[in-house]
Amino acid sequence: MTEEVPEREARAFDTLQGTTIFITQRDGSFYAYQNLCPHLQTELEYLENQFLDQDKEYIQCSTHGALFNVETGECISGPCLGDFLNKVEIKVHSDGGIYIVD
């Protein structure tokens, strides 16, 4: 549900396929990615639901501090510079539900 993901916050969700994704909100739009850094395939968050840097401006990997653009998933700083997070296609319904698009 959209109210579970406040502006400039992120929340992790387990999928039916056994993977973990996270959803973040920026300026009223929602973005979803697999919870894996492209560098070492490690989970991104350093604490539960802590995917963003201190300023809540970028997605940050807890392992090496890589920074990713929220809107595109592109690594803009760190060992995986130029790589991208694996985007998960989602649809936000008028009832407030957020659904993965297969």
PDB file of N, CA and C in Angstrom:
ATOM      1  N   MET A   1       0.835  -1.188   0.000  1.00  0.00           N
ATOM      2  CA  MET A   1       0.000   0.000   0.000  1.00  0.00           C
ATOM      3  C   MET A   1       0.876   1.246   0.000  1.00  0.00           C
ATOM      4  N   THR A   2       0.417   2.268  -0.679  1.00  0.00           N
ATOM      5  CA  THR A   2       1.215   3.484  -0.829  1.00  0.00           C
ATOM      6  C   THR A   2       1.534   4.144   0.504  1.00  0.00           C
ATOM      7  N   GLU A   3       0.629   4.042   1.484  1.00  0.00           N
ATOM      8  CA  GLU A   3       0.901   4.700   2.769  1.00  0.00           C
ATOM      9  C   GLU A   3       2.017   4.007   3.547  1.00  0.00           C
ATOM     10  N   GLU A   4       2.413   2.811   3.132  1.00  0.00           N
ATOM     11  CA  GLU A   4       3.509   2.093   3.781  1.00  0.00           C
ATOM     12  C   GLU A   4       4.876   2.597   3.323  1.00  0.00           C
ATOM     13  N   VAL A   5       4.891   3.413   2.266  1.00  0.00           N
ATOM     14  CA  VAL A   5       6.148   3.914   1.712  1.00  0.00           C
ATOM     15  C   VAL A   5       6.103   5.445   1.700  1.00  0.00           C
ATOM     16  N   PRO A   6       6.467   6.085   2.815  1.00  0.00           N
ATOM     17  CA  PRO A   6       6.431   7.546   2.867  1.00  0.00           C
ATOM     18  C   PRO A   6       7.420   8.195   1.902  1.00  0.00           C
ATOM     19  N   GLU A   7       7.162   9.433   1.587  1.00  0.00           N
ATOM     20  CA  GLU A   7       8.063  10.232   0.737  1.00  0.00           C
ATOM     21  C   GLU A   7       9.488  10.185   1.289  1.00  0.00           C
ATOM     22  N   ARG A   8      10.454   9.942   0.389  1.00  0.00           N
ATOM     23  CA  ARG A   8      11.887   9.872   0.724  1.00  0.00           C
ATOM     24  C   ARG A   8      12.209   8.827   1.777  1.00  0.00           C
ATOM     25  N   GLU A   9      11.451   7.742   1.743  1.00  0.00           N
ATOM     26  CA  GLU A   9      11.709   6.562   2.568  1.00  0.00           C
ATOM     27  C   GLU A   9      11.698   5.361   1.635  1.00  0.00           C
ATOM     28  N   ALA A  10      12.061   4.200   2.146  1.00  0.00           N
ATOM     29  CA  ALA A  10      12.033   2.965   1.363  1.00  0.00           C
ATOM     30  C   ALA A  10      11.601   1.822   2.267  1.00  0.00           C
ATOM     31  N   ARG A  11      10.935   0.846   1.675  1.00  0.00           N
ATOM     32  CA  ARG A  11      10.479  -0.319   2.426  1.00  0.00           C
ATOM     33  C   ARG A  11      10.762  -1.582   1.622  1.00  0.00           C
ATOM     34  N   ALA A  12      11.205  -2.627   2.330  1.00  0.00           N
ATOM     35  CA  ALA A  12      11.474  -3.922   1.708  1.00  0.00           C
ATOM     36  C   ALA A  12      10.221  -4.785   1.725  1.00  0.00           C
ATOM     37  N   PHE A  13      10.091  -5.608   0.692  1.00  0.00           N
ATOM     38  CA  PHE A  13       8.977  -6.541   0.582  1.00  0.00           C
ATOM     39  C   PHE A  13       9.497  -7.853   0.006  1.00  0.00           C
ATOM     40  N   ASP A  14       9.036  -8.971   0.556  1.00  0.00           N
ATOM     41  CA  ASP A  14       9.359 -10.284   0.015  1.00  0.00           C
ATOM     42  C   ASP A  14       8.379 -10.590  -1.110  1.00  0.00           C
ATOM     43  N   THR A  15       8.894 -11.152  -2.212  1.00  0.00           N
ATOM     44  CA  THR A  15       8.035 -11.503  -3.340  1.00  0.00           C
ATOM     45  C   THR A  15       7.624 -12.961  -3.244  1.00  0.00           C
ATOM     46  N   LEU A  16       6.646 -13.344  -4.029  1.00  0.00           N
ATOM     47  CA  LEU A  16       6.202 -14.731  -4.071  1.00  0.00           C
ATOM     48  C   LEU A  16       7.282 -15.643  -4.647  1.00  0.00           C
ATOM     49  N   GLN A  17       8.241 -15.070  -5.379  1.00  0.00           N
ATOM     50  CA  GLN A  17       9.329 -15.841  -5.966  1.00  0.00           C
ATOM     51  C   GLN A  17      10.479 -16.058  -4.975  1.00  0.00           C
ATOM     52  N   GLY A  18      10.338 -15.545  -3.758  1.00  0.00           N
ATOM     53  CA  GLY A  18      11.367 -15.741  -2.750  1.00  0.00           C
ATOM     54  C   GLY A  18      12.487 -14.721  -2.779  1.00  0.00           C
ATOM     55  N   THR A  19      12.331 -13.655  -3.537  1.00  0.00           N
ATOM     56  CA  THR A  19      13.321 -12.592  -3.574  1.00  0.00           C
ATOM     57  C   THR A  19      12.819 -11.408  -2.745  1.00  0.00           C
ATOM     58  N   THR A  20      13.697 -10.450  -2.516  1.00  0.00           N
ATOM     59  CA  THR A  20      13.315  -9.243  -1.791  1.00  0.00           C
ATOM     60  C   THR A  20      13.467  -8.054  -2.720  1.00  0.00           C
ATOM     61  N   ILE A  21      12.453  -7.216  -2.735  1.00  0.00           N
ATOM     62  CA  ILE A  21      12.509  -5.958  -3.472  1.00  0.00           C
ATOM     63  C   ILE A  21      12.350  -4.832  -2.462  1.00  0.00           C
ATOM     64  N   PHE A  22      12.655  -3.617  -2.917  1.00  0.00           N
ATOM     65  CA  PHE A  22      12.320  -2.471  -2.090  1.00  0.00           C
ATOM     66  C   PHE A  22      11.665  -1.428  -2.966  1.00  0.00           C
ATOM     67  N   ILE A  23      10.782  -0.670  -2.337  1.00  0.00           N
ATOM     68  CA  ILE A  23      10.050   0.392  -3.022  1.00  0.00           C
ATOM     69  C   ILE A  23      10.362   1.690  -2.304  1.00  0.00           C
ATOM     70  N   THR A  24      10.637   2.732  -3.077  1.00  0.00           N
ATOM     71  CA  THR A  24      10.887   4.047  -2.508  1.00  0.00           C
ATOM     72  C   THR A  24      10.011   5.066  -3.224  1.00  0.00           C
ATOM     73  N   GLN A  25       9.742   6.164  -2.548  1.00  0.00           N
ATOM     74  CA  GLN A  25       8.901   7.213  -3.120  1.00  0.00           C
ATOM     75  C   GLN A  25       9.709   8.497  -3.238  1.00  0.00           C
ATOM     76  N   ARG A  26       9.566   9.143  -4.396  1.00  0.00           N
ATOM     77  CA  ARG A  26      10.219  10.426  -4.624  1.00  0.00           C
ATOM     78  C   ARG A  26       9.250  11.323  -5.379  1.00  0.00           C
ATOM     79  N   ASP A  27       8.904  12.439  -4.773  1.00  0.00           N
ATOM     80  CA  ASP A  27       8.007  13.429  -5.391  1.00  0.00           C
ATOM     81  C   ASP A  27       6.701  12.795  -5.872  1.00  0.00           C
ATOM     82  N   GLY A  28       6.153  11.880  -5.064  1.00  0.00           N
ATOM     83  CA  GLY A  28       4.877  11.272  -5.380  1.00  0.00           C
ATOM     84  C   GLY A  28       4.932  10.089  -6.331  1.00  0.00           C
ATOM     85  N   SER A  29       6.110   9.776  -6.869  1.00  0.00           N
ATOM     86  CA  SER A  29       6.266   8.620  -7.748  1.00  0.00           C
ATOM     87  C   SER A  29       6.953   7.497  -6.980  1.00  0.00           C
ATOM     88  N   PHE A  30       6.617   6.266  -7.347  1.00  0.00           N
ATOM     89  CA  PHE A  30       7.170   5.101  -6.669  1.00  0.00           C
ATOM     90  C   PHE A  30       8.129   4.363  -7.590  1.00  0.00           C
ATOM     91  N   TYR A  31       9.245   3.887  -7.027  1.00  0.00           N
ATOM     92  CA  TYR A  31      10.277   3.170  -7.775  1.00  0.00           C
ATOM     93  C   TYR A  31      10.587   1.891  -7.017  1.00  0.00           C
ATOM     94  N   ALA A  32      10.745   0.788  -7.748  1.00  0.00           N
ATOM     95  CA  ALA A  32      11.018  -0.503  -7.118  1.00  0.00           C
ATOM     96  C   ALA A  32      12.236  -1.148  -7.771  1.00  0.00           C
ATOM     97  N   TYR A  33      13.061  -1.771  -6.926  1.00  0.00           N
ATOM     98  CA  TYR A  33      14.271  -2.447  -7.384  1.00  0.00           C
ATOM     99  C   TYR A  33      14.465  -3.725  -6.588  1.00  0.00           C
ATOM    100  N   GLN A  34      15.192  -4.671  -7.183  1.00  0.00           N
ATOM    101  CA  GLN A  34      15.597  -5.852  -6.428  1.00  0.00           C
ATOM    102  C   GLN A  34      16.609  -5.413  -5.384  1.00  0.00           C
ATOM    103  N   ASN A  35      16.585  -6.060  -4.243  1.00  0.00           N
ATOM    104  CA  ASN A  35      17.477  -5.706  -3.136  1.00  0.00           C
ATOM    105  C   ASN A  35      18.835  -6.389  -3.327  1.00  0.00           C
ATOM    106  N   LEU A  36      19.506  -6.045  -4.424  1.00  0.00           N
ATOM    107  CA  LEU A  36      20.829  -6.595  -4.715  1.00  0.00           C
ATOM    108  C   LEU A  36      21.705  -5.530  -5.358  1.00  0.00           C
ATOM    109  N   CYS A  37      22.892  -5.345  -4.809  1.00  0.00           N
ATOM    110  CA  CYS A  37      23.853  -4.434  -5.414  1.00  0.00           C
ATOM    111  C   CYS A  37      24.478  -5.127  -6.626  1.00  0.00           C
ATOM    112  N   PRO A  38      24.620  -4.440  -7.757  1.00  0.00           N
ATOM    113  CA  PRO A  38      25.219  -5.075  -8.936  1.00  0.00           C
ATOM    114  C   PRO A  38      26.705  -5.392  -8.761  1.00  0.00           C
ATOM    115  N   HIS A  39      27.339  -4.833  -7.759  1.00  0.00           N
ATOM    116  CA  HIS A  39      28.776  -5.045  -7.562  1.00  0.00           C
ATOM    117  C   HIS A  39      29.074  -6.443  -7.048  1.00  0.00           C
ATOM    118  N   LEU A  40      28.530  -6.826  -5.892  1.00  0.00           N
ATOM    119  CA  LEU A  40      28.809  -8.128  -5.290  1.00  0.00           C
ATOM    120  C   LEU A  40      27.551  -8.948  -5.035  1.00  0.00           C
ATOM    121  N   GLN A  41      26.414  -8.489  -5.548  1.00  0.00           N
ATOM    122  CA  GLN A  41      25.138  -9.176  -5.353  1.00  0.00           C
ATOM    123  C   GLN A  41      24.785  -9.305  -3.863  1.00  0.00           C
ATOM    124  N   THR A  42      25.162  -8.296  -3.069  1.00  0.00           N
ATOM    125  CA  THR A  42      24.811  -8.270  -1.652  1.00  0.00           C
ATOM    126  C   THR A  42      23.561  -7.423  -1.467  1.00  0.00           C
ATOM    127  N   GLU A  43      22.863  -7.635  -0.345  1.00  0.00           N
ATOM    128  CA  GLU A  43      21.703  -6.799  -0.062  1.00  0.00           C
ATOM    129  C   GLU A  43      22.165  -5.375   0.211  1.00  0.00           C
ATOM    130  N   LEU A  44      21.330  -4.427  -0.140  1.00  0.00           N
ATOM    131  CA  LEU A  44      21.707  -3.015  -0.082  1.00  0.00           C
ATOM    132  C   LEU A  44      21.592  -2.388   1.297  1.00  0.00           C
ATOM    133  N   GLU A  45      20.572  -2.730   2.061  1.00  0.00           N
ATOM    134  CA  GLU A  45      20.298  -1.978   3.281  1.00  0.00           C
ATOM    135  C   GLU A  45      21.252  -2.339   4.409  1.00  0.00           C
ATOM    136  N   TYR A  46      21.559  -1.352   5.241  1.00  0.00           N
ATOM    137  CA  TYR A  46      22.453  -1.583   6.381  1.00  0.00           C
ATOM    138  C   TYR A  46      21.666  -1.876   7.645  1.00  0.00           C
ATOM    139  N   LEU A  47      20.439  -1.454   7.721  1.00  0.00           N
ATOM    140  CA  LEU A  47      19.479  -1.809   8.772  1.00  0.00           C
ATOM    141  C   LEU A  47      18.153  -2.047   8.064  1.00  0.00           C
ATOM    142  N   GLU A  48      17.219  -2.657   8.737  1.00  0.00           N
ATOM    143  CA  GLU A  48      15.933  -2.928   8.108  1.00  0.00           C
ATOM    144  C   GLU A  48      15.317  -1.660   7.532  1.00  0.00           C
ATOM    145  N   ASN A  49      14.974  -1.723   6.247  1.00  0.00           N
ATOM    146  CA  ASN A  49      14.342  -0.622   5.507  1.00  0.00           C
ATOM    147  C   ASN A  49      15.204   0.636   5.406  1.00  0.00           C
ATOM    148  N   GLN A  50      16.507   0.513   5.587  1.00  0.00           N
ATOM    149  CA  GLN A  50      17.415   1.658   5.458  1.00  0.00           C
ATOM    150  C   GLN A  50      18.184   1.534   4.138  1.00  0.00           C
ATOM    151  N   PHE A  51      17.566   1.997   3.068  1.00  0.00           N
ATOM    152  CA  PHE A  51      18.138   1.894   1.730  1.00  0.00           C
ATOM    153  C   PHE A  51      18.712   3.211   1.231  1.00  0.00           C
ATOM    154  N   LEU A  52      18.376   4.306   1.879  1.00  0.00           N
ATOM    155  CA  LEU A  52      18.775   5.624   1.381  1.00  0.00           C
ATOM    156  C   LEU A  52      19.937   6.181   2.186  1.00  0.00           C
ATOM    157  N   ASP A  53      20.684   7.080   1.558  1.00  0.00           N
ATOM    158  CA  ASP A  53      21.808   7.709   2.248  1.00  0.00           C
ATOM    159  C   ASP A  53      21.285   8.654   3.341  1.00  0.00           C
ATOM    160  N   GLN A  54      22.196   9.220   4.093  1.00  0.00           N
ATOM    161  CA  GLN A  54      21.831  10.060   5.240  1.00  0.00           C
ATOM    162  C   GLN A  54      20.927  11.224   4.851  1.00  0.00           C
ATOM    163  N   ASP A  55      21.149  11.802   3.680  1.00  0.00           N
ATOM    164  CA  ASP A  55      20.332  12.927   3.218  1.00  0.00           C
ATOM    165  C   ASP A  55      19.049  12.487   2.511  1.00  0.00           C
ATOM    166  N   LYS A  56      18.863  11.169   2.380  1.00  0.00           N
ATOM    167  CA  LYS A  56      17.691  10.593   1.706  1.00  0.00           C
ATOM    168  C   LYS A  56      17.583  11.062   0.263  1.00  0.00           C
ATOM    169  N   GLU A  57      18.743  11.255  -0.344  1.00  0.00           N
ATOM    170  CA  GLU A  57      18.812  11.727  -1.718  1.00  0.00           C
ATOM    171  C   GLU A  57      19.068  10.581  -2.694  1.00  0.00           C
ATOM    172  N   TYR A  58      19.852   9.578  -2.265  1.00  0.00           N
ATOM    173  CA  TYR A  58      20.244   8.471  -3.133  1.00  0.00           C
ATOM    174  C   TYR A  58      20.039   7.140  -2.418  1.00  0.00           C
ATOM    175  N   ILE A  59      19.915   6.080  -3.210  1.00  0.00           N
ATOM    176  CA  ILE A  59      19.947   4.727  -2.674  1.00  0.00           C
ATOM    177  C   ILE A  59      21.417   4.426  -2.398  1.00  0.00           C
ATOM    178  N   GLN A  60      21.712   3.826  -1.245  1.00  0.00           N
ATOM    179  CA  GLN A  60      23.102   3.570  -0.879  1.00  0.00           C
ATOM    180  C   GLN A  60      23.305   2.099  -0.522  1.00  0.00           C
ATOM    181  N   CYS A  61      24.373   1.509  -1.046  1.00  0.00           N
ATOM    182  CA  CYS A  61      24.729   0.138  -0.702  1.00  0.00           C
ATOM    183  C   CYS A  61      25.502   0.137   0.605  1.00  0.00           C
ATOM    184  N   SER A  62      25.103  -0.752   1.500  1.00  0.00           N
ATOM    185  CA  SER A  62      25.752  -0.811   2.812  1.00  0.00           C
ATOM    186  C   SER A  62      27.157  -1.410   2.744  1.00  0.00           C
ATOM    187  N   THR A  63      27.456  -2.183   1.713  1.00  0.00           N
ATOM    188  CA  THR A  63      28.745  -2.878   1.647  1.00  0.00           C
ATOM    189  C   THR A  63      29.902  -1.943   1.305  1.00  0.00           C
ATOM    190  N   HIS A  64      29.786  -1.194   0.214  1.00  0.00           N
ATOM    191  CA  HIS A  64      30.879  -0.307  -0.203  1.00  0.00           C
ATOM    192  C   HIS A  64      30.458   1.147  -0.357  1.00  0.00           C
ATOM    193  N   GLY A  65      29.229   1.491   0.013  1.00  0.00           N
ATOM    194  CA  GLY A  65      28.794   2.878  -0.028  1.00  0.00           C
ATOM    195  C   GLY A  65      28.421   3.394  -1.403  1.00  0.00           C
ATOM    196  N   ALA A  66      28.264   2.501  -2.375  1.00  0.00           N
ATOM    197  CA  ALA A  66      27.869   2.944  -3.714  1.00  0.00           C
ATOM    198  C   ALA A  66      26.552   3.707  -3.636  1.00  0.00           C
ATOM    199  N   LEU A  67      26.428   4.741  -4.468  1.00  0.00           N
ATOM    200  CA  LEU A  67      25.208   5.554  -4.515  1.00  0.00           C
ATOM    201  C   LEU A  67      24.504   5.348  -5.848  1.00  0.00           C
ATOM    202  N   PHE A  68      23.184   5.251  -5.785  1.00  0.00           N
ATOM    203  CA  PHE A  68      22.366   5.013  -6.971  1.00  0.00           C
ATOM    204  C   PHE A  68      21.289   6.075  -7.082  1.00  0.00           C
ATOM    205  N   ASN A  69      21.020   6.513  -8.307  1.00  0.00           N
ATOM    206  CA  ASN A  69      19.951   7.455  -8.583  1.00  0.00           C
ATOM    207  C   ASN A  69      18.613   6.775  -8.304  1.00  0.00           C
ATOM    208  N   VAL A  70      17.745   7.423  -7.541  1.00  0.00           N
ATOM    209  CA  VAL A  70      16.447   6.846  -7.173  1.00  0.00           C
ATOM    210  C   VAL A  70      15.584   6.598  -8.409  1.00  0.00           C
ATOM    211  N   GLU A  71      15.551   7.534  -9.335  1.00  0.00           N
ATOM    212  CA  GLU A  71      14.650   7.449 -10.476  1.00  0.00           C
ATOM    213  C   GLU A  71      15.096   6.435 -11.525  1.00  0.00           C
ATOM    214  N   THR A  72      16.406   6.207 -11.672  1.00  0.00           N
ATOM    215  CA  THR A  72      16.900   5.337 -12.748  1.00  0.00           C
ATOM    216  C   THR A  72      17.589   4.074 -12.246  1.00  0.00           C
ATOM    217  N   GLY A  73      18.051   4.064 -10.996  1.00  0.00           N
ATOM    218  CA  GLY A  73      18.801   2.939 -10.478  1.00  0.00           C
ATOM    219  C   GLY A  73      20.254   2.919 -10.902  1.00  0.00           C
ATOM    220  N   GLU A  74      20.724   3.972 -11.584  1.00  0.00           N
ATOM    221  CA  GLU A  74      22.115   4.010 -12.054  1.00  0.00           C
ATOM    222  C   GLU A  74      23.070   4.313 -10.903  1.00  0.00           C
ATOM    223  N   CYS A  75      24.165   3.572 -10.855  1.00  0.00           N
ATOM    224  CA  CYS A  75      25.214   3.833  -9.873  1.00  0.00           C
ATOM    225  C   CYS A  75      25.984   5.071 -10.306  1.00  0.00           C
ATOM    226  N   ILE A  76      26.007   6.079  -9.447  1.00  0.00           N
ATOM    227  CA  ILE A  76      26.685   7.334  -9.777  1.00  0.00           C
ATOM    228  C   ILE A  76      27.968   7.521  -8.986  1.00  0.00           C
ATOM    229  N   SER A  77      28.220   6.611  -8.023  1.00  0.00           N
ATOM    230  CA  SER A  77      29.430   6.692  -7.211  1.00  0.00           C
ATOM    231  C   SER A  77      29.692   5.328  -6.591  1.00  0.00           C
ATOM    232  N   GLY A  78      30.948   4.885  -6.641  1.00  0.00           N
ATOM    233  CA  GLY A  78      31.309   3.621  -6.019  1.00  0.00           C
ATOM    234  C   GLY A  78      31.859   2.617  -7.010  1.00  0.00           C
ATOM    235  N   PRO A  79      32.113   1.387  -6.546  1.00  0.00           N
ATOM    236  CA  PRO A  79      32.792   0.386  -7.368  1.00  0.00           C
ATOM    237  C   PRO A  79      31.982  -0.118  -8.564  1.00  0.00           C
ATOM    238  N   CYS A  80      30.698   0.131  -8.584  1.00  0.00           N
ATOM    239  CA  CYS A  80      29.867  -0.329  -9.705  1.00  0.00           C
ATOM    240  C   CYS A  80      29.405   0.846 -10.575  1.00  0.00           C
ATOM    241  N   LEU A  81      30.191   1.906 -10.610  1.00  0.00           N
ATOM    242  CA  LEU A  81      29.859   3.124 -11.365  1.00  0.00           C
ATOM    243  C   LEU A  81      29.384   2.776 -12.779  1.00  0.00           C
ATOM    244  N   GLY A  82      28.218   3.293 -13.135  1.00  0.00           N
ATOM    245  CA  GLY A  82      27.658   3.062 -14.462  1.00  0.00           C
ATOM    246  C   GLY A  82      26.761   1.841 -14.548  1.00  0.00           C
ATOM    247  N   ASP A  83      26.824   0.943 -13.570  1.00  0.00           N
ATOM    248  CA  ASP A  83      25.913  -0.200 -13.532  1.00  0.00           C
ATOM    249  C   ASP A  83      24.550   0.265 -13.009  1.00  0.00           C
ATOM    250  N   PHE A  84      23.562  -0.608 -13.112  1.00  0.00           N
ATOM    251  CA  PHE A  84      22.205  -0.272 -12.685  1.00  0.00           C
ATOM    252  C   PHE A  84      21.664  -1.321 -11.732  1.00  0.00           C
ATOM    253  N   LEU A  85      20.831  -0.875 -10.797  1.00  0.00           N
ATOM    254  CA  LEU A  85      20.046  -1.800  -9.988  1.00  0.00           C
ATOM    255  C   LEU A  85      19.029  -2.470 -10.904  1.00  0.00           C
ATOM    256  N   ASN A  86      18.582  -3.664 -10.542  1.00  0.00           N
ATOM    257  CA  ASN A  86      17.563  -4.356 -11.323  1.00  0.00           C
ATOM    258  C   ASN A  86      16.196  -3.787 -10.980  1.00  0.00           C
ATOM    259  N   LYS A  87      15.630  -3.061 -11.943  1.00  0.00           N
ATOM    260  CA  LYS A  87      14.337  -2.400 -11.743  1.00  0.00           C
ATOM    261  C   LYS A  87      13.221  -3.436 -11.731  1.00  0.00           C
ATOM    262  N   VAL A  88      12.248  -3.216 -10.875  1.00  0.00           N
ATOM    263  CA  VAL A  88      11.058  -4.060 -10.797  1.00  0.00           C
ATOM    264  C   VAL A  88       9.884  -3.201 -11.260  1.00  0.00           C
ATOM    265  N   GLU A  89       9.177  -3.670 -12.274  1.00  0.00           N
ATOM    266  CA  GLU A  89       8.030  -2.915 -12.782  1.00  0.00           C
ATOM    267  C   GLU A  89       6.866  -3.036 -11.819  1.00  0.00           C
ATOM    268  N   ILE A  90       6.328  -1.900 -11.420  1.00  0.00           N
ATOM    269  CA  ILE A  90       5.185  -1.875 -10.506  1.00  0.00           C
ATOM    270  C   ILE A  90       4.082  -1.006 -11.083  1.00  0.00           C
ATOM    271  N   LYS A  91       2.892  -1.208 -10.577  1.00  0.00           N
ATOM    272  CA  LYS A  91       1.735  -0.389 -10.940  1.00  0.00           C
ATOM    273  C   LYS A  91       1.064   0.040  -9.652  1.00  0.00           C
ATOM    274  N   VAL A  92       0.784   1.330  -9.544  1.00  0.00           N
ATOM    275  CA  VAL A  92       0.077   1.866  -8.384  1.00  0.00           C
ATOM    276  C   VAL A  92      -1.390   2.019  -8.761  1.00  0.00           C
ATOM    277  N   HIS A  93      -2.238   1.302  -8.053  1.00  0.00           N
ATOM    278  CA  HIS A  93      -3.676   1.345  -8.333  1.00  0.00           C
ATOM    279  C   HIS A  93      -4.345   2.465  -7.543  1.00  0.00           C
ATOM    280  N   SER A  94      -5.505   2.873  -8.000  1.00  0.00           N
ATOM    281  CA  SER A  94      -6.246   3.961  -7.352  1.00  0.00           C
ATOM    282  C   SER A  94      -6.659   3.612  -5.926  1.00  0.00           C
ATOM    283  N   ASP A  95      -6.695   2.312  -5.585  1.00  0.00           N
ATOM    284  CA  ASP A  95      -7.052   1.913  -4.231  1.00  0.00           C
ATOM    285  C   ASP A  95      -5.869   2.029  -3.275  1.00  0.00           C
ATOM    286  N   GLY A  96      -4.711   2.488  -3.787  1.00  0.00           N
ATOM    287  CA  GLY A  96      -3.516   2.637  -2.960  1.00  0.00           C
ATOM    288  C   GLY A  96      -2.619   1.419  -2.967  1.00  0.00           C
ATOM    289  N   GLY A  97      -3.033   0.373  -3.644  1.00  0.00           N
ATOM    290  CA  GLY A  97      -2.208  -0.832  -3.721  1.00  0.00           C
ATOM    291  C   GLY A  97      -1.066  -0.662  -4.712  1.00  0.00           C
ATOM    292  N   ILE A  98       0.057  -1.276  -4.393  1.00  0.00           N
ATOM    293  CA  ILE A  98       1.213  -1.300  -5.293  1.00  0.00           C
ATOM    294  C   ILE A  98       1.413  -2.755  -5.698  1.00  0.00           C
ATOM    295  N   TYR A  99       1.402  -3.005  -7.005  1.00  0.00           N
ATOM    296  CA  TYR A  99       1.473  -4.373  -7.514  1.00  0.00           C
ATOM    297  C   TYR A  99       2.649  -4.529  -8.477  1.00  0.00           C
ATOM    298  N   ILE A 100       3.303  -5.684  -8.392  1.00  0.00           N
ATOM    299  CA  ILE A 100       4.369  -6.008  -9.344  1.00  0.00           C
ATOM    300  C   ILE A 100       3.723  -6.375 -10.660  1.00  0.00           C
ATOM    301  N   VAL A 101       4.264  -5.829 -11.751  1.00  0.00           N
ATOM    302  CA  VAL A 101       3.805  -6.145 -13.088  1.00  0.00           C
ATOM    303  C   VAL A 101       4.665  -7.294 -13.614  1.00  0.00           C
ATOM    304  N   ASP A 102       4.047  -8.407 -13.962  1.00  0.00           N
ATOM    305  CA  ASP A 102       4.811  -9.563 -14.471  1.00  0.00           C
ATOM    306  C   ASP A 102       5.164  -9.386 -15.926  1.00  0.00           C
TER     307      ASP A 102
END
